[in-house]
Each structure stands twice: as structure tokens, then as C-alpha cells.
Amino acid sequence: MHVKYKSVASSYLAKIDTDNQEQDFQKALDNKFKKIDNNTKTLMNGIIESNKQTRTEIQEYKKTLEGKFQDNDKLIGKYNKSLSKMNQGIFSLFFVVLIVSLVSLITGPIGDILMLNSYADTIHDQIVQGESIWRYLAYLFYIIPFILLFFILWACTKFIDALDNKF
């Protein structure tokens, strides 16, 4: 009977040892999992913080880019205005040179070829020598060369305007 008690006692001891080992193993696993969980939380907090910092840097970069785009748009607008003014100035200068050239040609050699001087003398003689009231209508004939000059200049301005709109 003594052996029987011994074997029962040793089986109890073995069971207690097994239970203690299971509890120790359970505690060891719990500790490992807690460490893993804590490390994961720390890592996740670091990632979240890094993402927040990255987002703020991206927002700052976007603001900087938008500011630069606005500055660039302003500079392009100023450049376009100055280019437009330069084109207008060049075309205006061309128009003035055109007017001076036309006037000098009409009063000079082309006027002699077209006999504008004799045309004006003929109108003057008609007004002075005429006796009817219709002679005063001859004053309108003085306007004809100026009307022609006006239409030539008008056509030139339309041409210059078309060039200005094209460029």
C-alpha cells in the first residue's frame, strides 16, 4: 500500500509539475505576445506620426507650388501685356511711316503722274470761272483725293489689325 500511495503521490506531483509547466508556458507566451503587441503599437504610432508629418510636408509643398504657379501666371500676364504693347508700338510706327510715305508720294512724283496738281487747278478754274450755283458743288471734288487717301489708310489699318490679331 505504501507503493500505491507513492505512486498516487508521484502522479499528483507529476500533475502539479505539468500544470505548473503549462502555466509557465502560458505566462511565457502571454509575455511574448504582450511584447509583440507593444512593439506593434509602437511601430503603428511611429507610422501614423510619420504619415502626419509627410502629409503636412506635402501640404506645405502644394502651397509653395501654388504660390509659384500664381507668380508664374502673373509674370506670363505681364509678358503678354508687354508683348502686346510692343506689337502695337511697332505696328503704329509702321502706320506712321506708311502715312508719311503715302503723303510724300501723292504730293511728289505720283501726284505728278496722276496729275493731282492739274486736277486741283482744274477744279479751282471751274469754281472761279463758273457762273451757276452748281460751281459750289465743285468744292466737293477737292475731297476726292482725301477720300481715296482715307480708304487706302483704312485698308492699311485693317491689314495691320489682322496682323496684330494673328500674332
N, C-alpha and C. Protein backbone atom coordinates (compact mmCIF):
# COMPACT_ATOMS: atom_id res chain seq x y z
N MET A 1 0.79 -1.16 0.00
CA MET A 1 0.00 0.00 0.00
C MET A 1 0.86 1.25 0.00
N HIS A 2 1.90 1.11 0.55
CA HIS A 2 2.80 2.22 0.56
C HIS A 2 3.20 2.62 -0.86
N VAL A 3 3.41 1.64 -1.63
CA VAL A 3 3.78 1.90 -3.03
C VAL A 3 2.61 2.56 -3.75
N LYS A 4 1.46 2.15 -3.38
CA LYS A 4 0.31 2.72 -4.02
C LYS A 4 0.22 4.19 -3.67
N TYR A 5 0.46 4.53 -2.42
CA TYR A 5 0.43 5.94 -2.04
C TYR A 5 1.53 6.72 -2.74
N LYS A 6 2.64 6.06 -2.84
CA LYS A 6 3.76 6.72 -3.51
C LYS A 6 3.41 6.98 -4.95
N SER A 7 2.83 6.02 -5.56
CA SER A 7 2.52 6.22 -6.97
C SER A 7 1.42 7.25 -7.13
N VAL A 8 0.47 7.30 -6.23
CA VAL A 8 -0.57 8.33 -6.28
C VAL A 8 0.06 9.68 -6.01
N ALA A 9 0.96 9.73 -5.02
CA ALA A 9 1.62 11.00 -4.70
C ALA A 9 2.48 11.43 -5.86
N SER A 10 3.21 10.50 -6.45
CA SER A 10 4.05 10.91 -7.59
C SER A 10 3.19 11.31 -8.77
N SER A 11 2.05 10.67 -8.97
CA SER A 11 1.18 11.10 -10.07
C SER A 11 0.62 12.49 -9.79
N TYR A 12 0.31 12.78 -8.50
CA TYR A 12 -0.13 14.14 -8.16
C TYR A 12 0.99 15.14 -8.41
N LEU A 13 2.18 14.77 -7.99
CA LEU A 13 3.33 15.66 -8.21
C LEU A 13 3.56 15.87 -9.70
N ALA A 14 3.44 14.82 -10.46
CA ALA A 14 3.64 14.95 -11.91
C ALA A 14 2.56 15.86 -12.50
N LYS A 15 1.36 15.70 -11.99
CA LYS A 15 0.27 16.53 -12.50
C LYS A 15 0.50 17.97 -12.11
N ILE A 16 0.95 18.23 -10.88
CA ILE A 16 1.24 19.59 -10.43
C ILE A 16 2.36 20.17 -11.27
N ASP A 17 3.40 19.36 -11.52
CA ASP A 17 4.51 19.84 -12.37
C ASP A 17 4.00 20.17 -13.77
N THR A 18 3.16 19.30 -14.30
CA THR A 18 2.63 19.54 -15.64
C THR A 18 1.79 20.80 -15.65
N ASP A 19 0.95 20.97 -14.61
CA ASP A 19 0.13 22.18 -14.52
C ASP A 19 1.02 23.41 -14.39
N ASN A 20 2.07 23.31 -13.57
CA ASN A 20 3.00 24.45 -13.42
C ASN A 20 3.71 24.75 -14.74
N GLN A 21 4.10 23.67 -15.44
CA GLN A 21 4.76 23.89 -16.73
C GLN A 21 3.80 24.57 -17.72
N GLU A 22 2.55 24.10 -17.72
CA GLU A 22 1.57 24.71 -18.62
C GLU A 22 1.35 26.17 -18.26
N GLN A 23 1.27 26.45 -16.95
CA GLN A 23 1.09 27.83 -16.53
C GLN A 23 2.32 28.67 -16.88
N ASP A 24 3.50 28.10 -16.66
CA ASP A 24 4.72 28.83 -17.03
C ASP A 24 4.77 29.08 -18.54
N PHE A 25 4.42 28.05 -19.31
CA PHE A 25 4.42 28.21 -20.76
C PHE A 25 3.38 29.25 -21.19
N GLN A 26 2.22 29.21 -20.53
CA GLN A 26 1.17 30.18 -20.83
C GLN A 26 1.64 31.59 -20.49
N LYS A 27 2.30 31.75 -19.35
CA LYS A 27 2.81 33.07 -18.96
C LYS A 27 3.88 33.54 -19.93
N ALA A 28 4.74 32.62 -20.33
CA ALA A 28 5.81 32.99 -21.28
C ALA A 28 5.20 33.44 -22.61
N LEU A 29 4.20 32.70 -23.09
CA LEU A 29 3.53 33.09 -24.34
C LEU A 29 2.82 34.43 -24.18
N ASP A 30 2.14 34.61 -23.05
CA ASP A 30 1.47 35.89 -22.81
C ASP A 30 2.47 37.04 -22.81
N ASN A 31 3.59 36.84 -22.14
CA ASN A 31 4.62 37.89 -22.12
C ASN A 31 5.14 38.19 -23.53
N LYS A 32 5.41 37.13 -24.30
CA LYS A 32 5.90 37.33 -25.67
C LYS A 32 4.86 38.07 -26.51
N PHE A 33 3.60 37.64 -26.40
CA PHE A 33 2.55 38.30 -27.18
C PHE A 33 2.35 39.75 -26.75
N LYS A 34 2.48 40.01 -25.44
CA LYS A 34 2.37 41.40 -24.97
C LYS A 34 3.50 42.24 -25.52
N LYS A 35 4.71 41.67 -25.55
CA LYS A 35 5.84 42.40 -26.11
C LYS A 35 5.62 42.67 -27.60
N ILE A 36 5.14 41.63 -28.30
CA ILE A 36 4.86 41.80 -29.74
C ILE A 36 3.78 42.84 -29.94
N ASP A 37 2.73 42.78 -29.11
CA ASP A 37 1.64 43.75 -29.21
C ASP A 37 2.14 45.16 -28.92
N ASN A 38 2.96 45.31 -27.88
CA ASN A 38 3.53 46.63 -27.55
C ASN A 38 4.43 47.14 -28.67
N ASN A 39 5.26 46.24 -29.20
CA ASN A 39 6.12 46.65 -30.32
C ASN A 39 5.29 47.06 -31.55
N THR A 40 4.22 46.32 -31.80
CA THR A 40 3.34 46.64 -32.93
C THR A 40 2.68 48.00 -32.72
N LYS A 41 2.20 48.25 -31.48
CA LYS A 41 1.58 49.55 -31.19
C LYS A 41 2.58 50.68 -31.36
N THR A 42 3.80 50.47 -30.87
CA THR A 42 4.84 51.49 -31.01
C THR A 42 5.15 51.74 -32.49
N LEU A 43 5.25 50.65 -33.24
CA LEU A 43 5.52 50.77 -34.68
C LEU A 43 4.38 51.49 -35.39
N MET A 44 3.14 51.14 -35.07
CA MET A 44 1.98 51.79 -35.68
C MET A 44 1.92 53.27 -35.33
N ASN A 45 2.21 53.61 -34.06
CA ASN A 45 2.23 55.02 -33.66
C ASN A 45 3.31 55.78 -34.44
N GLY A 46 4.46 55.14 -34.62
CA GLY A 46 5.53 55.77 -35.40
C GLY A 46 5.12 55.98 -36.85
N ILE A 47 4.45 54.98 -37.42
CA ILE A 47 3.99 55.10 -38.81
C ILE A 47 2.94 56.20 -38.94
N ILE A 48 2.00 56.24 -37.98
CA ILE A 48 0.96 57.27 -38.00
C ILE A 48 1.59 58.65 -37.88
N GLU A 49 2.54 58.81 -37.00
CA GLU A 49 3.22 60.10 -36.82
C GLU A 49 3.99 60.48 -38.08
N SER A 50 4.64 59.49 -38.66
CA SER A 50 5.39 59.74 -39.90
C SER A 50 4.44 60.15 -41.03
N ASN A 51 3.28 59.50 -41.11
CA ASN A 51 2.28 59.86 -42.13
C ASN A 51 1.77 61.28 -41.92
N LYS A 52 1.52 61.65 -40.66
CA LYS A 52 1.06 63.01 -40.37
C LYS A 52 2.11 64.03 -40.81
N GLN A 53 3.36 63.74 -40.47
CA GLN A 53 4.45 64.66 -40.85
C GLN A 53 4.57 64.74 -42.37
N THR A 54 4.44 63.60 -43.04
CA THR A 54 4.52 63.59 -44.50
C THR A 54 3.38 64.39 -45.11
N ARG A 55 2.17 64.23 -44.56
CA ARG A 55 1.02 64.99 -45.07
C ARG A 55 1.22 66.49 -44.90
N THR A 56 1.72 66.90 -43.75
CA THR A 56 1.95 68.34 -43.55
C THR A 56 3.02 68.85 -44.51
N GLU A 57 4.07 68.06 -44.74
CA GLU A 57 5.10 68.48 -45.69
C GLU A 57 4.55 68.56 -47.11
N ILE A 58 3.68 67.61 -47.46
CA ILE A 58 3.06 67.64 -48.79
C ILE A 58 2.16 68.87 -48.93
N GLN A 59 1.39 69.19 -47.89
CA GLN A 59 0.53 70.37 -47.93
C GLN A 59 1.36 71.64 -48.08
N GLU A 60 2.46 71.72 -47.34
CA GLU A 60 3.34 72.89 -47.46
C GLU A 60 3.93 72.98 -48.86
N TYR A 61 4.31 71.84 -49.42
CA TYR A 61 4.87 71.82 -50.77
C TYR A 61 3.82 72.25 -51.79
N LYS A 62 2.56 71.78 -51.61
CA LYS A 62 1.48 72.19 -52.51
C LYS A 62 1.26 73.70 -52.44
N LYS A 63 1.27 74.25 -51.22
CA LYS A 63 1.09 75.69 -51.08
C LYS A 63 2.22 76.44 -51.76
N THR A 64 3.44 75.95 -51.60
CA THR A 64 4.59 76.59 -52.25
C THR A 64 4.45 76.53 -53.76
N LEU A 65 4.05 75.36 -54.27
CA LEU A 65 3.87 75.23 -55.73
C LEU A 65 2.75 76.13 -56.24
N GLU A 66 1.63 76.20 -55.50
CA GLU A 66 0.54 77.07 -55.92
C GLU A 66 0.98 78.52 -55.94
N GLY A 67 1.75 78.93 -54.95
CA GLY A 67 2.28 80.30 -54.94
C GLY A 67 3.18 80.55 -56.13
N LYS A 68 4.02 79.58 -56.44
CA LYS A 68 4.91 79.74 -57.59
C LYS A 68 4.12 79.76 -58.90
N PHE A 69 3.07 78.94 -58.99
CA PHE A 69 2.23 78.96 -60.18
C PHE A 69 1.55 80.32 -60.34
N GLN A 70 1.06 80.88 -59.24
CA GLN A 70 0.42 82.19 -59.31
C GLN A 70 1.42 83.25 -59.72
N ASP A 71 2.62 83.20 -59.16
CA ASP A 71 3.66 84.16 -59.56
C ASP A 71 4.00 83.99 -61.03
N ASN A 72 4.08 82.74 -61.47
CA ASN A 72 4.39 82.46 -62.87
C ASN A 72 3.28 82.99 -63.78
N ASP A 73 2.01 82.79 -63.37
CA ASP A 73 0.89 83.30 -64.16
C ASP A 73 0.92 84.83 -64.25
N LYS A 74 1.28 85.48 -63.14
CA LYS A 74 1.39 86.94 -63.15
C LYS A 74 2.49 87.39 -64.10
N LEU A 75 3.62 86.70 -64.05
CA LEU A 75 4.73 87.06 -64.94
C LEU A 75 4.36 86.83 -66.41
N ILE A 76 3.65 85.74 -66.68
CA ILE A 76 3.22 85.48 -68.05
C ILE A 76 2.24 86.54 -68.51
N GLY A 77 1.33 86.96 -67.63
CA GLY A 77 0.40 88.04 -67.97
C GLY A 77 1.13 89.33 -68.27
N LYS A 78 2.11 89.67 -67.43
CA LYS A 78 2.90 90.89 -67.68
C LYS A 78 3.65 90.78 -69.00
N TYR A 79 4.22 89.60 -69.26
CA TYR A 79 4.95 89.40 -70.51
C TYR A 79 4.02 89.55 -71.71
N ASN A 80 2.82 88.96 -71.62
CA ASN A 80 1.87 89.08 -72.73
C ASN A 80 1.44 90.52 -72.95
N LYS A 81 1.23 91.27 -71.85
CA LYS A 81 0.86 92.68 -71.98
C LYS A 81 1.98 93.47 -72.64
N SER A 82 3.21 93.24 -72.19
CA SER A 82 4.33 93.99 -72.76
C SER A 82 4.55 93.59 -74.22
N LEU A 83 4.34 92.33 -74.55
CA LEU A 83 4.47 91.89 -75.94
C LEU A 83 3.38 92.52 -76.79
N SER A 84 2.18 92.60 -76.26
CA SER A 84 1.08 93.24 -76.98
C SER A 84 1.37 94.71 -77.21
N LYS A 85 1.85 95.39 -76.17
CA LYS A 85 2.19 96.81 -76.31
C LYS A 85 3.32 97.00 -77.32
N MET A 86 4.29 96.10 -77.31
CA MET A 86 5.39 96.20 -78.26
C MET A 86 4.88 96.01 -79.69
N ASN A 87 3.98 95.03 -79.89
CA ASN A 87 3.41 94.83 -81.22
C ASN A 87 2.61 96.06 -81.66
N GLN A 88 1.82 96.62 -80.75
CA GLN A 88 1.06 97.81 -81.09
C GLN A 88 1.99 98.96 -81.44
N GLY A 89 3.06 99.11 -80.70
CA GLY A 89 4.02 100.17 -80.98
C GLY A 89 4.69 99.99 -82.33
N ILE A 90 5.08 98.77 -82.64
CA ILE A 90 5.72 98.52 -83.94
C ILE A 90 4.74 98.76 -85.08
N PHE A 91 3.51 98.28 -84.92
CA PHE A 91 2.52 98.50 -85.98
C PHE A 91 2.14 99.97 -86.09
N SER A 92 2.09 100.68 -84.97
CA SER A 92 1.81 102.12 -85.01
C SER A 92 2.93 102.86 -85.73
N LEU A 93 4.15 102.49 -85.43
CA LEU A 93 5.29 103.10 -86.11
C LEU A 93 5.24 102.79 -87.61
N PHE A 94 4.90 101.57 -87.95
CA PHE A 94 4.75 101.20 -89.36
C PHE A 94 3.65 102.04 -90.01
N PHE A 95 2.55 102.25 -89.29
CA PHE A 95 1.43 103.03 -89.83
C PHE A 95 1.85 104.49 -90.04
N VAL A 96 2.59 105.06 -89.12
CA VAL A 96 3.06 106.44 -89.28
C VAL A 96 3.99 106.54 -90.48
N VAL A 97 4.89 105.59 -90.62
CA VAL A 97 5.79 105.59 -91.78
C VAL A 97 4.98 105.44 -93.06
N LEU A 98 3.94 104.62 -93.03
CA LEU A 98 3.08 104.44 -94.19
C LEU A 98 2.36 105.73 -94.55
N ILE A 99 1.84 106.43 -93.57
CA ILE A 99 1.15 107.71 -93.84
C ILE A 99 2.12 108.72 -94.44
N VAL A 100 3.28 108.86 -93.84
CA VAL A 100 4.27 109.82 -94.35
C VAL A 100 4.68 109.45 -95.77
N SER A 101 4.87 108.17 -96.02
CA SER A 101 5.25 107.72 -97.37
C SER A 101 4.15 108.02 -98.37
N LEU A 102 2.91 107.71 -98.01
CA LEU A 102 1.80 107.96 -98.94
C LEU A 102 1.64 109.45 -99.22
N VAL A 103 1.71 110.26 -98.19
CA VAL A 103 1.56 111.71 -98.39
C VAL A 103 2.69 112.25 -99.25
N SER A 104 3.91 111.80 -98.99
CA SER A 104 5.03 112.31 -99.79
C SER A 104 4.96 111.81 -101.23
N LEU A 105 4.46 110.59 -101.43
CA LEU A 105 4.32 110.10 -102.79
C LEU A 105 3.20 110.81 -103.55
N ILE A 106 2.10 111.05 -102.86
CA ILE A 106 0.97 111.71 -103.54
C ILE A 106 1.31 113.15 -103.86
N THR A 107 1.94 113.84 -102.94
CA THR A 107 2.30 115.24 -103.23
C THR A 107 3.54 115.34 -104.10
N GLY A 108 4.27 114.25 -104.25
CA GLY A 108 5.51 114.27 -105.03
C GLY A 108 5.31 113.64 -106.39
N PRO A 109 6.11 112.65 -106.71
CA PRO A 109 6.13 112.10 -108.07
C PRO A 109 4.84 111.41 -108.50
N ILE A 110 4.19 110.69 -107.61
CA ILE A 110 2.95 110.02 -108.02
C ILE A 110 1.85 111.05 -108.25
N GLY A 111 1.85 112.09 -107.46
CA GLY A 111 0.87 113.17 -107.68
C GLY A 111 1.05 113.81 -109.04
N ASP A 112 2.31 113.95 -109.46
CA ASP A 112 2.55 114.49 -110.80
C ASP A 112 2.12 113.50 -111.87
N ILE A 113 2.37 112.21 -111.66
CA ILE A 113 1.97 111.20 -112.65
C ILE A 113 0.45 111.13 -112.74
N LEU A 114 -0.23 111.17 -111.61
CA LEU A 114 -1.70 111.13 -111.62
C LEU A 114 -2.32 112.48 -111.91
N MET A 115 -1.49 113.49 -112.05
CA MET A 115 -1.90 114.86 -112.36
C MET A 115 -2.85 115.42 -111.31
N LEU A 116 -2.54 115.17 -110.05
CA LEU A 116 -3.37 115.71 -108.98
C LEU A 116 -3.25 117.22 -108.91
N ASN A 117 -2.08 117.75 -109.22
CA ASN A 117 -1.92 119.21 -109.21
C ASN A 117 -2.77 119.86 -110.29
N SER A 118 -2.77 119.26 -111.48
CA SER A 118 -3.60 119.82 -112.55
C SER A 118 -5.08 119.60 -112.25
N TYR A 119 -5.41 118.50 -111.54
CA TYR A 119 -6.79 118.24 -111.13
C TYR A 119 -7.27 119.35 -110.19
N ALA A 120 -6.43 119.71 -109.23
CA ALA A 120 -6.79 120.78 -108.30
C ALA A 120 -6.89 122.12 -109.04
N ASP A 121 -5.99 122.37 -109.99
CA ASP A 121 -6.07 123.62 -110.77
C ASP A 121 -7.35 123.66 -111.60
N THR A 122 -7.74 122.54 -112.17
CA THR A 122 -8.97 122.48 -112.98
C THR A 122 -10.18 122.77 -112.11
N ILE A 123 -10.23 122.20 -110.92
CA ILE A 123 -11.36 122.46 -110.01
C ILE A 123 -11.38 123.93 -109.63
N HIS A 124 -10.23 124.49 -109.35
CA HIS A 124 -10.15 125.90 -108.97
C HIS A 124 -10.64 126.79 -110.12
N ASP A 125 -10.20 126.49 -111.35
CA ASP A 125 -10.66 127.27 -112.50
C ASP A 125 -12.16 127.14 -112.69
N GLN A 126 -12.72 125.97 -112.48
CA GLN A 126 -14.16 125.76 -112.64
C GLN A 126 -14.93 126.60 -111.62
N ILE A 127 -14.43 126.67 -110.40
CA ILE A 127 -15.12 127.44 -109.37
C ILE A 127 -15.03 128.93 -109.69
N VAL A 128 -13.86 129.40 -110.10
CA VAL A 128 -13.66 130.83 -110.35
C VAL A 128 -14.40 131.28 -111.60
N GLN A 129 -14.39 130.48 -112.65
CA GLN A 129 -14.96 130.90 -113.92
C GLN A 129 -16.43 130.55 -114.05
N GLY A 130 -16.91 129.62 -113.28
CA GLY A 130 -18.30 129.23 -113.39
C GLY A 130 -19.23 130.31 -112.86
N GLU A 131 -20.46 130.35 -113.48
CA GLU A 131 -21.41 131.39 -113.07
C GLU A 131 -22.66 130.81 -112.43
N SER A 132 -22.83 129.52 -112.48
CA SER A 132 -24.03 128.94 -111.89
C SER A 132 -23.79 128.57 -110.43
N ILE A 133 -24.89 128.21 -109.80
CA ILE A 133 -24.81 127.82 -108.39
C ILE A 133 -24.12 126.46 -108.25
N TRP A 134 -24.10 125.67 -109.33
CA TRP A 134 -23.51 124.35 -109.31
C TRP A 134 -21.99 124.40 -109.13
N ARG A 135 -21.43 125.55 -109.38
CA ARG A 135 -19.98 125.65 -109.25
C ARG A 135 -19.52 125.42 -107.80
N TYR A 136 -20.41 125.71 -106.85
CA TYR A 136 -20.05 125.48 -105.44
C TYR A 136 -20.00 123.99 -105.10
N LEU A 137 -20.69 123.19 -105.92
CA LEU A 137 -20.59 121.74 -105.72
C LEU A 137 -19.21 121.22 -106.13
N ALA A 138 -18.50 122.00 -106.92
CA ALA A 138 -17.15 121.60 -107.34
C ALA A 138 -16.21 121.55 -106.14
N TYR A 139 -16.55 122.23 -105.05
CA TYR A 139 -15.73 122.13 -103.84
C TYR A 139 -15.67 120.68 -103.33
N LEU A 140 -16.72 119.93 -103.59
CA LEU A 140 -16.74 118.52 -103.16
C LEU A 140 -15.67 117.71 -103.89
N PHE A 141 -15.30 118.14 -105.12
CA PHE A 141 -14.27 117.41 -105.86
C PHE A 141 -12.90 117.51 -105.20
N TYR A 142 -12.71 118.55 -104.39
CA TYR A 142 -11.45 118.65 -103.64
C TYR A 142 -11.31 117.49 -102.63
N ILE A 143 -12.43 116.98 -102.22
CA ILE A 143 -12.43 115.94 -101.19
C ILE A 143 -12.04 114.56 -101.75
N ILE A 144 -12.22 114.35 -103.06
CA ILE A 144 -12.00 113.03 -103.66
C ILE A 144 -10.60 112.48 -103.37
N PRO A 145 -9.50 113.22 -103.56
CA PRO A 145 -8.19 112.64 -103.24
C PRO A 145 -8.05 112.28 -101.76
N PHE A 146 -8.68 113.10 -100.91
CA PHE A 146 -8.60 112.80 -99.47
C PHE A 146 -9.43 111.57 -99.12
N ILE A 147 -10.55 111.39 -99.82
CA ILE A 147 -11.35 110.18 -99.60
C ILE A 147 -10.57 108.95 -100.04
N LEU A 148 -9.90 109.04 -101.19
CA LEU A 148 -9.06 107.92 -101.64
C LEU A 148 -7.95 107.63 -100.63
N LEU A 149 -7.30 108.68 -100.14
CA LEU A 149 -6.26 108.50 -99.14
C LEU A 149 -6.83 107.86 -97.87
N PHE A 150 -8.03 108.33 -97.48
CA PHE A 150 -8.68 107.75 -96.31
C PHE A 150 -8.93 106.26 -96.51
N PHE A 151 -9.44 105.84 -97.66
CA PHE A 151 -9.71 104.42 -97.90
C PHE A 151 -8.42 103.60 -97.96
N ILE A 152 -7.37 104.18 -98.51
CA ILE A 152 -6.08 103.48 -98.53
C ILE A 152 -5.59 103.27 -97.09
N LEU A 153 -5.67 104.32 -96.28
CA LEU A 153 -5.23 104.21 -94.89
C LEU A 153 -6.13 103.26 -94.09
N TRP A 154 -7.42 103.29 -94.37
CA TRP A 154 -8.36 102.39 -93.71
C TRP A 154 -8.03 100.93 -94.04
N ALA A 155 -7.74 100.66 -95.32
CA ALA A 155 -7.35 99.30 -95.73
C ALA A 155 -6.05 98.89 -95.04
N CYS A 156 -5.13 99.83 -94.91
CA CYS A 156 -3.86 99.53 -94.22
C CYS A 156 -4.10 99.23 -92.74
N THR A 157 -4.99 99.99 -92.10
CA THR A 157 -5.27 99.72 -90.68
C THR A 157 -5.94 98.36 -90.50
N LYS A 158 -6.83 97.99 -91.42
CA LYS A 158 -7.45 96.66 -91.33
C LYS A 158 -6.41 95.57 -91.51
N PHE A 159 -5.47 95.80 -92.43
CA PHE A 159 -4.39 94.84 -92.65
C PHE A 159 -3.52 94.72 -91.40
N ILE A 160 -3.18 95.85 -90.81
CA ILE A 160 -2.35 95.84 -89.60
C ILE A 160 -3.11 95.19 -88.44
N ASP A 161 -4.41 95.47 -88.33
CA ASP A 161 -5.22 94.87 -87.27
C ASP A 161 -5.29 93.35 -87.45
N ALA A 162 -5.42 92.90 -88.71
CA ALA A 162 -5.44 91.46 -88.97
C ALA A 162 -4.10 90.83 -88.59
N LEU A 163 -3.00 91.52 -88.88
CA LEU A 163 -1.68 91.01 -88.48
C LEU A 163 -1.54 90.99 -86.96
N ASP A 164 -2.06 92.03 -86.31
CA ASP A 164 -1.97 92.11 -84.85
C ASP A 164 -2.76 90.99 -84.20
N ASN A 165 -3.95 90.69 -84.73
CA ASN A 165 -4.76 89.61 -84.17
C ASN A 165 -4.14 88.24 -84.45
N LYS A 166 -3.44 88.13 -85.57
CA LYS A 166 -2.81 86.85 -85.92
C LYS A 166 -1.64 86.55 -84.99
N PHE A 167 -0.88 87.55 -84.64
CA PHE A 167 0.29 87.35 -83.78
C PHE A 167 -0.08 87.65 -82.37
